[in-house]
């Protein structure tokens, strides 16, 4: 997959599937987002977290539906990441496991532009509900999802751990969903 979008500041970006050769760039992104990892797990990111990204899958999901999508600047620098599982937990759903924007690009329209682009693309494939989680207490994540019209369900997240061991300091997560009705412009949350 290769696609393009322009952020609100007019900068062009490419969206493509992550490749194993992207591991150093993904590690740099993880390090730039250490505050997220500390909120989610109680620990800074570790190099193994990048590899886990390629192997983590919710129970009952199909490997063929997992996508790790990176957004790159015009020079090819990885500036954002979305880990998604299509058709999960139901056929018209999409689950977002991880969404990161490089610290240097946060609060500069990249995250919103990237997410809006991915939502539009997902709805074009028939997705009608997108779910995401945010670590409990991670207010910037809650605000980000709220700005995208996600609503928090109040339903506890399933306790499955995506084919990995949970860290001893991992926090609970809150589930948010975005319901769409009839295509890219039909967000109904």
N, C-alpha and C. Protein backbone atom coordinates (compact mmCIF):
# COMPACT_ATOMS: atom_id res chain seq x y z
N UNK A 1 0.84 -1.18 0.00
CA UNK A 1 0.00 0.00 0.00
C UNK A 1 0.89 1.24 0.00
N UNK A 2 0.55 2.19 -0.80
CA UNK A 2 1.19 3.49 -0.78
C UNK A 2 0.12 4.51 -1.14
N UNK A 3 0.03 5.54 -0.33
CA UNK A 3 -1.00 6.55 -0.50
C UNK A 3 -0.43 7.88 -0.02
N UNK A 4 -1.14 8.95 -0.26
CA UNK A 4 -0.64 10.27 0.10
C UNK A 4 -1.73 11.11 0.75
N UNK A 5 -1.30 12.02 1.61
CA UNK A 5 -2.19 13.03 2.18
C UNK A 5 -1.37 14.28 2.45
N UNK A 6 -2.07 15.37 2.62
CA UNK A 6 -1.44 16.64 2.96
C UNK A 6 -1.97 17.07 4.32
N UNK A 7 -1.07 17.47 5.21
CA UNK A 7 -1.54 17.90 6.53
C UNK A 7 -2.09 19.32 6.45
N UNK A 8 -2.65 19.79 7.54
CA UNK A 8 -3.30 21.10 7.55
C UNK A 8 -2.33 22.24 7.28
N UNK A 9 -1.03 21.99 7.47
CA UNK A 9 -0.02 23.01 7.19
C UNK A 9 0.44 22.97 5.74
N UNK A 10 -0.15 22.06 4.94
CA UNK A 10 0.19 21.96 3.53
C UNK A 10 1.37 21.07 3.21
N UNK A 11 1.89 20.34 4.20
CA UNK A 11 3.04 19.45 3.97
C UNK A 11 2.55 18.11 3.43
N UNK A 12 3.19 17.60 2.37
CA UNK A 12 2.80 16.30 1.82
C UNK A 12 3.40 15.15 2.63
N UNK A 13 2.64 14.06 2.71
CA UNK A 13 3.08 12.86 3.42
C UNK A 13 2.70 11.64 2.60
N UNK A 14 3.49 10.60 2.76
CA UNK A 14 3.19 9.31 2.15
C UNK A 14 2.79 8.34 3.26
N UNK A 15 1.78 7.54 3.00
CA UNK A 15 1.37 6.46 3.90
C UNK A 15 1.74 5.17 3.20
N UNK A 16 2.43 4.30 3.93
CA UNK A 16 2.82 3.02 3.34
C UNK A 16 2.91 1.98 4.44
N UNK A 17 2.93 0.72 4.01
CA UNK A 17 3.12 -0.37 4.96
C UNK A 17 4.53 -0.31 5.52
N UNK A 18 4.66 -0.54 6.82
CA UNK A 18 5.98 -0.61 7.44
C UNK A 18 6.68 -1.88 6.96
N UNK A 19 7.98 -1.79 6.85
CA UNK A 19 8.82 -2.90 6.43
C UNK A 19 9.82 -3.21 7.54
N UNK A 20 10.37 -4.42 7.57
CA UNK A 20 11.40 -4.72 8.58
C UNK A 20 12.56 -3.72 8.56
N UNK A 21 12.89 -3.20 7.39
CA UNK A 21 13.98 -2.21 7.30
C UNK A 21 13.63 -0.90 8.01
N UNK A 22 12.36 -0.71 8.37
CA UNK A 22 11.94 0.50 9.09
C UNK A 22 12.20 0.42 10.59
N UNK A 23 12.67 -0.72 11.08
CA UNK A 23 12.83 -0.87 12.53
C UNK A 23 13.64 0.25 13.17
N UNK A 24 14.79 0.69 12.61
CA UNK A 24 15.51 1.80 13.25
C UNK A 24 14.68 3.09 13.30
N UNK A 25 13.95 3.38 12.25
CA UNK A 25 13.11 4.59 12.23
C UNK A 25 11.96 4.45 13.22
N UNK A 26 11.40 3.26 13.33
CA UNK A 26 10.32 3.03 14.30
C UNK A 26 10.85 3.15 15.73
N UNK A 27 12.06 2.65 15.96
CA UNK A 27 12.67 2.78 17.28
C UNK A 27 12.85 4.26 17.63
N UNK A 28 13.29 5.06 16.67
CA UNK A 28 13.42 6.50 16.90
C UNK A 28 12.07 7.13 17.24
N UNK A 29 11.03 6.70 16.53
CA UNK A 29 9.68 7.19 16.81
C UNK A 29 9.24 6.79 18.21
N UNK A 30 9.48 5.53 18.58
CA UNK A 30 9.11 5.07 19.92
C UNK A 30 9.83 5.90 20.98
N UNK A 31 11.12 6.16 20.78
CA UNK A 31 11.88 6.96 21.74
C UNK A 31 11.32 8.38 21.84
N UNK A 32 10.91 8.94 20.71
CA UNK A 32 10.34 10.29 20.71
C UNK A 32 8.98 10.32 21.40
N UNK A 33 8.35 9.17 21.55
CA UNK A 33 7.03 9.07 22.19
C UNK A 33 7.13 8.34 23.54
N UNK A 34 8.28 8.47 24.20
CA UNK A 34 8.51 7.77 25.46
C UNK A 34 7.44 8.09 26.50
N UNK A 35 6.91 9.31 26.49
CA UNK A 35 5.88 9.67 27.47
C UNK A 35 4.64 8.79 27.31
N UNK A 36 4.29 8.44 26.08
CA UNK A 36 3.15 7.54 25.87
C UNK A 36 3.45 6.17 26.50
N UNK A 37 4.61 5.61 26.20
CA UNK A 37 4.94 4.28 26.71
C UNK A 37 4.97 4.27 28.24
N UNK A 38 5.49 5.34 28.83
CA UNK A 38 5.51 5.41 30.29
C UNK A 38 4.10 5.48 30.85
N UNK A 39 3.20 6.18 30.17
CA UNK A 39 1.80 6.24 30.61
C UNK A 39 1.12 4.88 30.44
N UNK A 40 1.43 4.18 29.37
CA UNK A 40 0.76 2.91 29.07
C UNK A 40 1.33 1.73 29.85
N UNK A 41 2.65 1.71 30.03
CA UNK A 41 3.28 0.52 30.62
C UNK A 41 4.03 0.80 31.91
N UNK A 42 4.23 2.08 32.23
CA UNK A 42 5.02 2.42 33.40
C UNK A 42 6.50 2.39 33.13
N UNK A 43 6.88 2.10 31.90
CA UNK A 43 8.29 1.99 31.53
C UNK A 43 8.55 2.71 30.21
N UNK A 44 9.79 3.14 29.98
CA UNK A 44 10.10 3.71 28.66
C UNK A 44 10.08 2.60 27.61
N UNK A 45 10.03 2.96 26.34
CA UNK A 45 10.05 1.93 25.30
C UNK A 45 11.38 1.18 25.30
N UNK A 46 11.33 -0.05 24.84
CA UNK A 46 12.53 -0.87 24.69
C UNK A 46 12.59 -1.33 23.24
N UNK A 47 13.79 -1.65 22.73
CA UNK A 47 13.89 -2.08 21.34
C UNK A 47 12.96 -3.25 21.00
N UNK A 48 12.72 -4.14 21.95
CA UNK A 48 11.82 -5.26 21.70
C UNK A 48 10.39 -4.84 21.43
N UNK A 49 10.01 -3.63 21.87
CA UNK A 49 8.66 -3.14 21.61
C UNK A 49 8.42 -2.96 20.12
N UNK A 50 9.45 -2.58 19.38
CA UNK A 50 9.31 -2.43 17.93
C UNK A 50 9.03 -3.79 17.31
N UNK A 51 9.79 -4.80 17.70
CA UNK A 51 9.57 -6.13 17.15
C UNK A 51 8.20 -6.66 17.55
N UNK A 52 7.79 -6.38 18.78
CA UNK A 52 6.46 -6.82 19.23
C UNK A 52 5.35 -6.22 18.38
N UNK A 53 5.58 -5.03 17.88
CA UNK A 53 4.60 -4.38 17.01
C UNK A 53 4.27 -5.27 15.81
N UNK A 54 5.28 -5.92 15.26
CA UNK A 54 5.09 -6.76 14.08
C UNK A 54 4.42 -8.10 14.42
N UNK A 55 4.48 -8.49 15.69
CA UNK A 55 3.97 -9.81 16.06
C UNK A 55 2.74 -9.79 16.95
N UNK A 56 2.36 -8.63 17.47
CA UNK A 56 1.20 -8.55 18.35
C UNK A 56 -0.09 -8.59 17.55
N UNK A 57 -1.02 -9.43 17.98
CA UNK A 57 -2.31 -9.57 17.31
C UNK A 57 -3.36 -9.95 18.35
N UNK A 58 -4.50 -9.28 18.36
CA UNK A 58 -5.55 -9.65 19.32
C UNK A 58 -6.04 -11.08 19.06
N UNK A 59 -6.41 -11.75 20.13
CA UNK A 59 -6.94 -13.10 20.01
C UNK A 59 -8.18 -13.09 19.12
N UNK A 60 -8.21 -14.00 18.15
CA UNK A 60 -9.35 -14.10 17.24
C UNK A 60 -9.19 -13.30 15.96
N UNK A 61 -8.16 -12.46 15.88
CA UNK A 61 -7.92 -11.68 14.66
C UNK A 61 -7.12 -12.51 13.67
N UNK A 62 -7.20 -12.12 12.41
CA UNK A 62 -6.51 -12.82 11.33
C UNK A 62 -5.25 -12.03 10.96
N UNK A 63 -4.12 -12.74 10.84
CA UNK A 63 -2.86 -12.07 10.48
C UNK A 63 -2.98 -11.29 9.18
N UNK A 64 -3.78 -11.76 8.25
CA UNK A 64 -3.93 -11.06 6.97
C UNK A 64 -4.61 -9.70 7.12
N UNK A 65 -5.25 -9.46 8.25
CA UNK A 65 -5.96 -8.20 8.47
C UNK A 65 -5.13 -7.18 9.24
N UNK A 66 -3.94 -7.57 9.69
CA UNK A 66 -3.08 -6.65 10.45
C UNK A 66 -2.31 -5.75 9.49
N UNK A 67 -2.31 -4.46 9.79
CA UNK A 67 -1.56 -3.48 8.99
C UNK A 67 -0.78 -2.58 9.93
N UNK A 68 0.47 -2.38 9.63
CA UNK A 68 1.29 -1.39 10.32
C UNK A 68 1.59 -0.33 9.28
N UNK A 69 0.98 0.82 9.43
CA UNK A 69 1.08 1.89 8.44
C UNK A 69 1.92 3.02 9.00
N UNK A 70 2.90 3.46 8.21
CA UNK A 70 3.71 4.60 8.62
C UNK A 70 3.40 5.78 7.72
N UNK A 71 3.51 6.96 8.29
CA UNK A 71 3.42 8.20 7.52
C UNK A 71 4.83 8.78 7.48
N UNK A 72 5.25 9.17 6.28
CA UNK A 72 6.57 9.75 6.12
C UNK A 72 6.47 11.16 5.58
N UNK A 73 7.46 11.97 5.93
CA UNK A 73 7.60 13.30 5.35
C UNK A 73 8.06 13.15 3.90
N UNK A 74 8.14 14.27 3.21
CA UNK A 74 8.58 14.26 1.81
C UNK A 74 9.97 13.65 1.64
N UNK A 75 10.82 13.77 2.68
CA UNK A 75 12.17 13.21 2.59
C UNK A 75 12.24 11.74 3.01
N UNK A 76 11.10 11.13 3.34
CA UNK A 76 11.06 9.72 3.70
C UNK A 76 11.18 9.44 5.19
N UNK A 77 11.33 10.47 6.01
CA UNK A 77 11.43 10.29 7.46
C UNK A 77 10.10 9.82 8.03
N UNK A 78 10.13 8.74 8.81
CA UNK A 78 8.92 8.24 9.46
C UNK A 78 8.54 9.20 10.58
N UNK A 79 7.33 9.76 10.49
CA UNK A 79 6.86 10.74 11.47
C UNK A 79 5.62 10.29 12.23
N UNK A 80 4.99 9.20 11.79
CA UNK A 80 3.79 8.71 12.48
C UNK A 80 3.58 7.24 12.16
N UNK A 81 2.79 6.59 12.98
CA UNK A 81 2.56 5.16 12.87
C UNK A 81 1.13 4.85 13.28
N UNK A 82 0.51 3.91 12.59
CA UNK A 82 -0.80 3.38 12.98
C UNK A 82 -0.74 1.86 12.86
N UNK A 83 -1.03 1.18 13.95
CA UNK A 83 -1.11 -0.28 13.99
C UNK A 83 -2.60 -0.62 14.00
N UNK A 84 -3.11 -1.18 12.92
CA UNK A 84 -4.54 -1.43 12.80
C UNK A 84 -4.81 -2.89 12.44
N UNK A 85 -5.96 -3.35 12.87
CA UNK A 85 -6.43 -4.68 12.48
C UNK A 85 -7.81 -4.48 11.86
N UNK A 86 -7.88 -4.75 10.58
CA UNK A 86 -9.15 -4.64 9.86
C UNK A 86 -10.03 -5.83 10.24
N UNK A 87 -11.35 -5.65 10.07
CA UNK A 87 -12.33 -6.71 10.32
C UNK A 87 -12.21 -7.30 11.73
N UNK A 88 -11.89 -6.44 12.70
CA UNK A 88 -11.78 -6.89 14.09
C UNK A 88 -12.32 -5.80 15.01
N UNK A 89 -13.14 -6.14 15.98
CA UNK A 89 -13.55 -7.48 16.37
C UNK A 89 -14.72 -8.05 15.56
N UNK A 90 -15.27 -7.28 14.63
CA UNK A 90 -16.36 -7.76 13.77
C UNK A 90 -16.02 -7.41 12.32
N UNK A 91 -16.70 -8.03 11.36
CA UNK A 91 -16.36 -7.83 9.95
C UNK A 91 -16.37 -6.38 9.46
N UNK A 92 -17.22 -5.52 10.01
CA UNK A 92 -17.27 -4.12 9.56
C UNK A 92 -16.52 -3.18 10.50
N UNK A 93 -15.64 -3.75 11.32
CA UNK A 93 -14.88 -2.98 12.30
C UNK A 93 -13.42 -2.85 11.91
N UNK A 94 -12.76 -1.92 12.55
CA UNK A 94 -11.32 -1.74 12.46
C UNK A 94 -10.85 -1.38 13.86
N UNK A 95 -9.81 -2.03 14.33
CA UNK A 95 -9.28 -1.78 15.66
C UNK A 95 -7.91 -1.13 15.53
N UNK A 96 -7.72 -0.02 16.21
CA UNK A 96 -6.43 0.67 16.22
C UNK A 96 -5.71 0.27 17.50
N UNK A 97 -4.58 -0.40 17.34
CA UNK A 97 -3.83 -0.85 18.50
C UNK A 97 -2.85 0.19 19.01
N UNK A 98 -2.24 0.95 18.10
CA UNK A 98 -1.25 1.95 18.47
C UNK A 98 -1.28 3.04 17.42
N UNK A 99 -1.24 4.28 17.87
CA UNK A 99 -1.20 5.43 16.96
C UNK A 99 -0.22 6.41 17.58
N UNK A 100 0.91 6.63 16.90
CA UNK A 100 1.95 7.52 17.42
C UNK A 100 2.28 8.60 16.41
N UNK A 101 2.56 9.78 16.92
CA UNK A 101 3.05 10.89 16.12
C UNK A 101 4.33 11.38 16.78
N UNK A 102 5.37 11.55 15.99
CA UNK A 102 6.66 12.00 16.54
C UNK A 102 6.46 13.26 17.38
N UNK A 103 7.13 13.31 18.52
CA UNK A 103 6.98 14.43 19.45
C UNK A 103 7.18 15.78 18.75
N UNK A 104 8.12 15.86 17.83
CA UNK A 104 8.40 17.13 17.15
C UNK A 104 7.25 17.57 16.25
N UNK A 105 6.33 16.66 15.95
CA UNK A 105 5.21 16.97 15.06
C UNK A 105 3.86 16.96 15.77
N UNK A 106 3.86 16.70 17.07
CA UNK A 106 2.61 16.72 17.83
C UNK A 106 2.10 18.15 17.96
N UNK A 107 0.80 18.28 18.00
CA UNK A 107 0.11 19.56 18.12
C UNK A 107 0.42 20.49 16.95
N UNK A 108 0.68 19.87 15.78
CA UNK A 108 0.99 20.64 14.58
C UNK A 108 0.16 20.15 13.40
N UNK A 109 -0.96 19.50 13.65
CA UNK A 109 -1.94 19.04 12.67
C UNK A 109 -1.62 17.71 12.01
N UNK A 110 -0.42 17.18 12.18
CA UNK A 110 -0.09 15.93 11.51
C UNK A 110 -0.97 14.78 12.00
N UNK A 111 -1.11 14.62 13.30
CA UNK A 111 -1.89 13.51 13.84
C UNK A 111 -3.33 13.54 13.37
N UNK A 112 -3.95 14.70 13.44
CA UNK A 112 -5.34 14.83 13.01
C UNK A 112 -5.47 14.57 11.52
N UNK A 113 -4.56 15.12 10.73
CA UNK A 113 -4.62 14.91 9.27
C UNK A 113 -4.42 13.45 8.92
N UNK A 114 -3.46 12.79 9.57
CA UNK A 114 -3.18 11.38 9.31
C UNK A 114 -4.37 10.52 9.72
N UNK A 115 -4.89 10.75 10.92
CA UNK A 115 -6.03 9.96 11.39
C UNK A 115 -7.25 10.17 10.50
N UNK A 116 -7.53 11.39 10.11
CA UNK A 116 -8.67 11.68 9.24
C UNK A 116 -8.51 10.97 7.90
N UNK A 117 -7.30 10.97 7.37
CA UNK A 117 -7.03 10.27 6.11
C UNK A 117 -7.28 8.77 6.27
N UNK A 118 -6.78 8.18 7.35
CA UNK A 118 -6.97 6.75 7.57
C UNK A 118 -8.43 6.40 7.80
N UNK A 119 -9.16 7.25 8.50
CA UNK A 119 -10.60 7.01 8.72
C UNK A 119 -11.32 7.02 7.38
N UNK A 120 -11.01 7.99 6.54
CA UNK A 120 -11.65 8.06 5.22
C UNK A 120 -11.34 6.81 4.41
N UNK A 121 -10.08 6.39 4.40
CA UNK A 121 -9.70 5.19 3.65
C UNK A 121 -10.41 3.95 4.20
N UNK A 122 -10.51 3.84 5.51
CA UNK A 122 -11.18 2.68 6.11
C UNK A 122 -12.65 2.64 5.73
N UNK A 123 -13.32 3.79 5.77
CA UNK A 123 -14.74 3.80 5.43
C UNK A 123 -14.96 3.47 3.97
N UNK A 124 -14.00 3.81 3.12
CA UNK A 124 -14.12 3.45 1.70
C UNK A 124 -14.07 1.95 1.48
N UNK A 125 -13.52 1.20 2.45
CA UNK A 125 -13.47 -0.26 2.34
C UNK A 125 -14.64 -0.93 3.05
N UNK A 126 -15.57 -0.13 3.59
CA UNK A 126 -16.75 -0.70 4.23
C UNK A 126 -16.71 -0.70 5.74
N UNK A 127 -15.67 -0.17 6.35
CA UNK A 127 -15.60 -0.10 7.81
C UNK A 127 -16.71 0.82 8.31
N UNK A 128 -17.42 0.38 9.35
CA UNK A 128 -18.51 1.17 9.93
C UNK A 128 -18.26 1.52 11.39
N UNK A 129 -17.26 0.87 12.00
CA UNK A 129 -16.93 1.19 13.39
C UNK A 129 -15.43 1.03 13.58
N UNK A 130 -14.83 2.05 14.18
CA UNK A 130 -13.40 2.02 14.49
C UNK A 130 -13.26 2.10 16.00
N UNK A 131 -12.49 1.18 16.56
CA UNK A 131 -12.25 1.20 18.00
C UNK A 131 -10.79 1.54 18.27
N UNK A 132 -10.57 2.19 19.38
CA UNK A 132 -9.22 2.53 19.82
C UNK A 132 -9.22 2.51 21.34
N UNK A 133 -8.05 2.38 21.90
CA UNK A 133 -7.93 2.44 23.35
C UNK A 133 -6.92 3.52 23.72
N UNK A 134 -7.06 4.01 24.93
CA UNK A 134 -6.13 5.00 25.45
C UNK A 134 -5.84 4.62 26.90
N UNK A 135 -4.57 4.70 27.31
CA UNK A 135 -4.27 4.38 28.71
C UNK A 135 -5.08 5.28 29.65
N UNK A 136 -5.63 4.68 30.68
CA UNK A 136 -6.41 5.44 31.65
C UNK A 136 -5.54 6.55 32.22
N UNK A 137 -6.06 7.77 32.19
CA UNK A 137 -5.33 8.92 32.69
C UNK A 137 -4.51 9.65 31.63
N UNK A 138 -4.44 9.13 30.42
CA UNK A 138 -3.66 9.76 29.34
C UNK A 138 -4.57 10.80 28.67
N UNK A 139 -4.61 11.99 29.24
CA UNK A 139 -5.57 13.01 28.83
C UNK A 139 -5.35 13.51 27.41
N UNK A 140 -4.11 13.63 26.97
CA UNK A 140 -3.89 14.10 25.60
C UNK A 140 -4.46 13.10 24.59
N UNK A 141 -4.38 11.81 24.89
CA UNK A 141 -4.97 10.80 24.02
C UNK A 141 -6.49 10.88 24.00
N UNK A 142 -7.07 11.12 25.16
CA UNK A 142 -8.53 11.27 25.24
C UNK A 142 -8.99 12.48 24.44
N UNK A 143 -8.27 13.60 24.58
CA UNK A 143 -8.63 14.81 23.83
C UNK A 143 -8.48 14.58 22.33
N UNK A 144 -7.42 13.89 21.92
CA UNK A 144 -7.20 13.62 20.51
C UNK A 144 -8.35 12.80 19.93
N UNK A 145 -8.70 11.72 20.60
CA UNK A 145 -9.81 10.89 20.11
C UNK A 145 -11.12 11.67 20.13
N UNK A 146 -11.35 12.46 21.15
CA UNK A 146 -12.56 13.28 21.20
C UNK A 146 -12.64 14.26 20.05
N UNK A 147 -11.51 14.86 19.69
CA UNK A 147 -11.49 15.81 18.58
C UNK A 147 -11.80 15.13 17.25
N UNK A 148 -11.56 13.82 17.18
CA UNK A 148 -11.87 13.05 15.97
C UNK A 148 -13.29 12.48 16.02
N UNK A 149 -14.08 12.85 17.01
CA UNK A 149 -15.47 12.42 17.20
C UNK A 149 -15.61 11.00 17.74
N UNK A 150 -14.54 10.44 18.30
CA UNK A 150 -14.67 9.17 19.01
C UNK A 150 -15.41 9.44 20.31
N UNK A 151 -16.15 8.45 20.77
CA UNK A 151 -16.80 8.53 22.07
C UNK A 151 -16.30 7.38 22.93
N UNK A 152 -16.16 7.64 24.21
CA UNK A 152 -15.69 6.61 25.12
C UNK A 152 -16.88 5.76 25.54
N UNK A 153 -16.70 4.45 25.45
CA UNK A 153 -17.82 3.52 25.62
C UNK A 153 -18.16 3.27 27.07
N UNK A 154 -17.20 3.42 27.96
CA UNK A 154 -17.44 3.07 29.36
C UNK A 154 -17.37 1.58 29.60
N UNK A 155 -17.16 0.81 28.53
CA UNK A 155 -17.04 -0.64 28.63
C UNK A 155 -15.57 -0.97 28.84
N UNK A 156 -15.25 -1.79 29.84
CA UNK A 156 -13.85 -2.13 30.05
C UNK A 156 -13.26 -2.85 28.84
N UNK A 157 -11.99 -2.60 28.59
CA UNK A 157 -11.31 -3.29 27.49
C UNK A 157 -11.16 -4.76 27.84
N UNK A 158 -11.17 -5.59 26.81
CA UNK A 158 -10.94 -7.01 27.03
C UNK A 158 -9.55 -7.19 27.62
N UNK A 159 -9.39 -8.21 28.41
CA UNK A 159 -8.11 -8.42 29.09
C UNK A 159 -7.10 -9.20 28.26
N UNK A 160 -7.39 -9.44 27.00
CA UNK A 160 -6.39 -10.11 26.17
C UNK A 160 -5.22 -9.17 25.97
N UNK A 161 -4.06 -9.72 25.69
CA UNK A 161 -2.86 -8.89 25.67
C UNK A 161 -2.10 -8.97 24.36
N UNK A 162 -2.77 -9.24 23.27
CA UNK A 162 -2.17 -9.13 21.94
C UNK A 162 -0.95 -10.02 21.77
N UNK A 163 -1.03 -11.27 22.19
CA UNK A 163 0.05 -12.24 22.01
C UNK A 163 1.36 -11.79 22.65
N UNK A 164 1.28 -11.16 23.78
CA UNK A 164 2.48 -10.73 24.48
C UNK A 164 2.19 -10.73 25.98
N UNK A 165 3.25 -10.66 26.76
CA UNK A 165 3.09 -10.57 28.20
C UNK A 165 2.83 -9.13 28.61
N UNK A 166 1.87 -8.94 29.47
CA UNK A 166 1.60 -7.59 29.99
C UNK A 166 2.70 -7.22 30.96
N UNK A 167 3.08 -5.95 30.94
CA UNK A 167 4.07 -5.45 31.88
C UNK A 167 3.47 -5.32 33.26
N UNK A 168 4.30 -5.42 34.29
CA UNK A 168 3.78 -5.36 35.66
C UNK A 168 3.19 -4.00 36.02
N UNK A 169 3.53 -2.95 35.27
CA UNK A 169 3.02 -1.61 35.58
C UNK A 169 2.07 -1.09 34.51
N UNK A 170 1.59 -1.97 33.63
CA UNK A 170 0.66 -1.51 32.59
C UNK A 170 -0.63 -1.03 33.24
N UNK A 171 -1.15 0.06 32.69
CA UNK A 171 -2.39 0.62 33.21
C UNK A 171 -3.58 0.02 32.48
N UNK A 172 -4.74 0.20 33.07
CA UNK A 172 -5.97 -0.16 32.37
C UNK A 172 -6.14 0.80 31.20
N UNK A 173 -6.94 0.41 30.24
CA UNK A 173 -7.20 1.28 29.08
C UNK A 173 -8.69 1.55 28.96
N UNK A 174 -9.00 2.70 28.40
CA UNK A 174 -10.38 3.07 28.11
C UNK A 174 -10.62 2.86 26.63
N UNK A 175 -11.79 2.33 26.30
CA UNK A 175 -12.15 2.04 24.91
C UNK A 175 -12.96 3.20 24.34
N UNK A 176 -12.60 3.60 23.13
CA UNK A 176 -13.35 4.62 22.41
C UNK A 176 -13.75 4.05 21.06
N UNK A 177 -14.85 4.56 20.52
CA UNK A 177 -15.27 4.10 19.20
C UNK A 177 -15.76 5.26 18.36
N UNK A 178 -15.63 5.07 17.08
CA UNK A 178 -16.14 6.01 16.09
C UNK A 178 -17.05 5.21 15.18
N UNK A 179 -18.30 5.59 15.12
CA UNK A 179 -19.24 4.93 14.21
C UNK A 179 -19.41 5.80 12.99
N UNK A 180 -19.37 5.17 11.84
CA UNK A 180 -19.55 5.90 10.59
C UNK A 180 -20.77 5.33 9.88
N UNK A 181 -21.43 6.17 9.11
CA UNK A 181 -22.67 5.78 8.47
C UNK A 181 -22.59 6.12 7.00
N UNK A 182 -22.31 5.11 6.18
CA UNK A 182 -22.42 5.31 4.74
C UNK A 182 -21.29 6.07 4.08
N UNK A 183 -20.06 5.82 4.48
CA UNK A 183 -18.96 6.40 3.73
C UNK A 183 -18.17 7.43 4.49
N UNK A 184 -17.19 7.99 3.80
CA UNK A 184 -16.18 8.84 4.42
C UNK A 184 -16.75 10.08 5.06
N UNK A 185 -17.83 10.61 4.58
CA UNK A 185 -18.36 11.85 5.14
C UNK A 185 -19.44 11.58 6.17
N UNK A 186 -19.74 10.30 6.44
CA UNK A 186 -20.88 9.99 7.29
C UNK A 186 -20.54 9.67 8.72
N UNK A 187 -19.63 10.39 9.34
CA UNK A 187 -19.29 10.14 10.73
C UNK A 187 -20.51 10.45 11.59
N UNK A 188 -20.88 9.48 12.43
CA UNK A 188 -22.07 9.67 13.25
C UNK A 188 -21.79 9.62 14.74
N UNK A 189 -20.63 9.18 15.15
CA UNK A 189 -20.29 8.95 16.56
C UNK A 189 -21.50 9.09 17.39
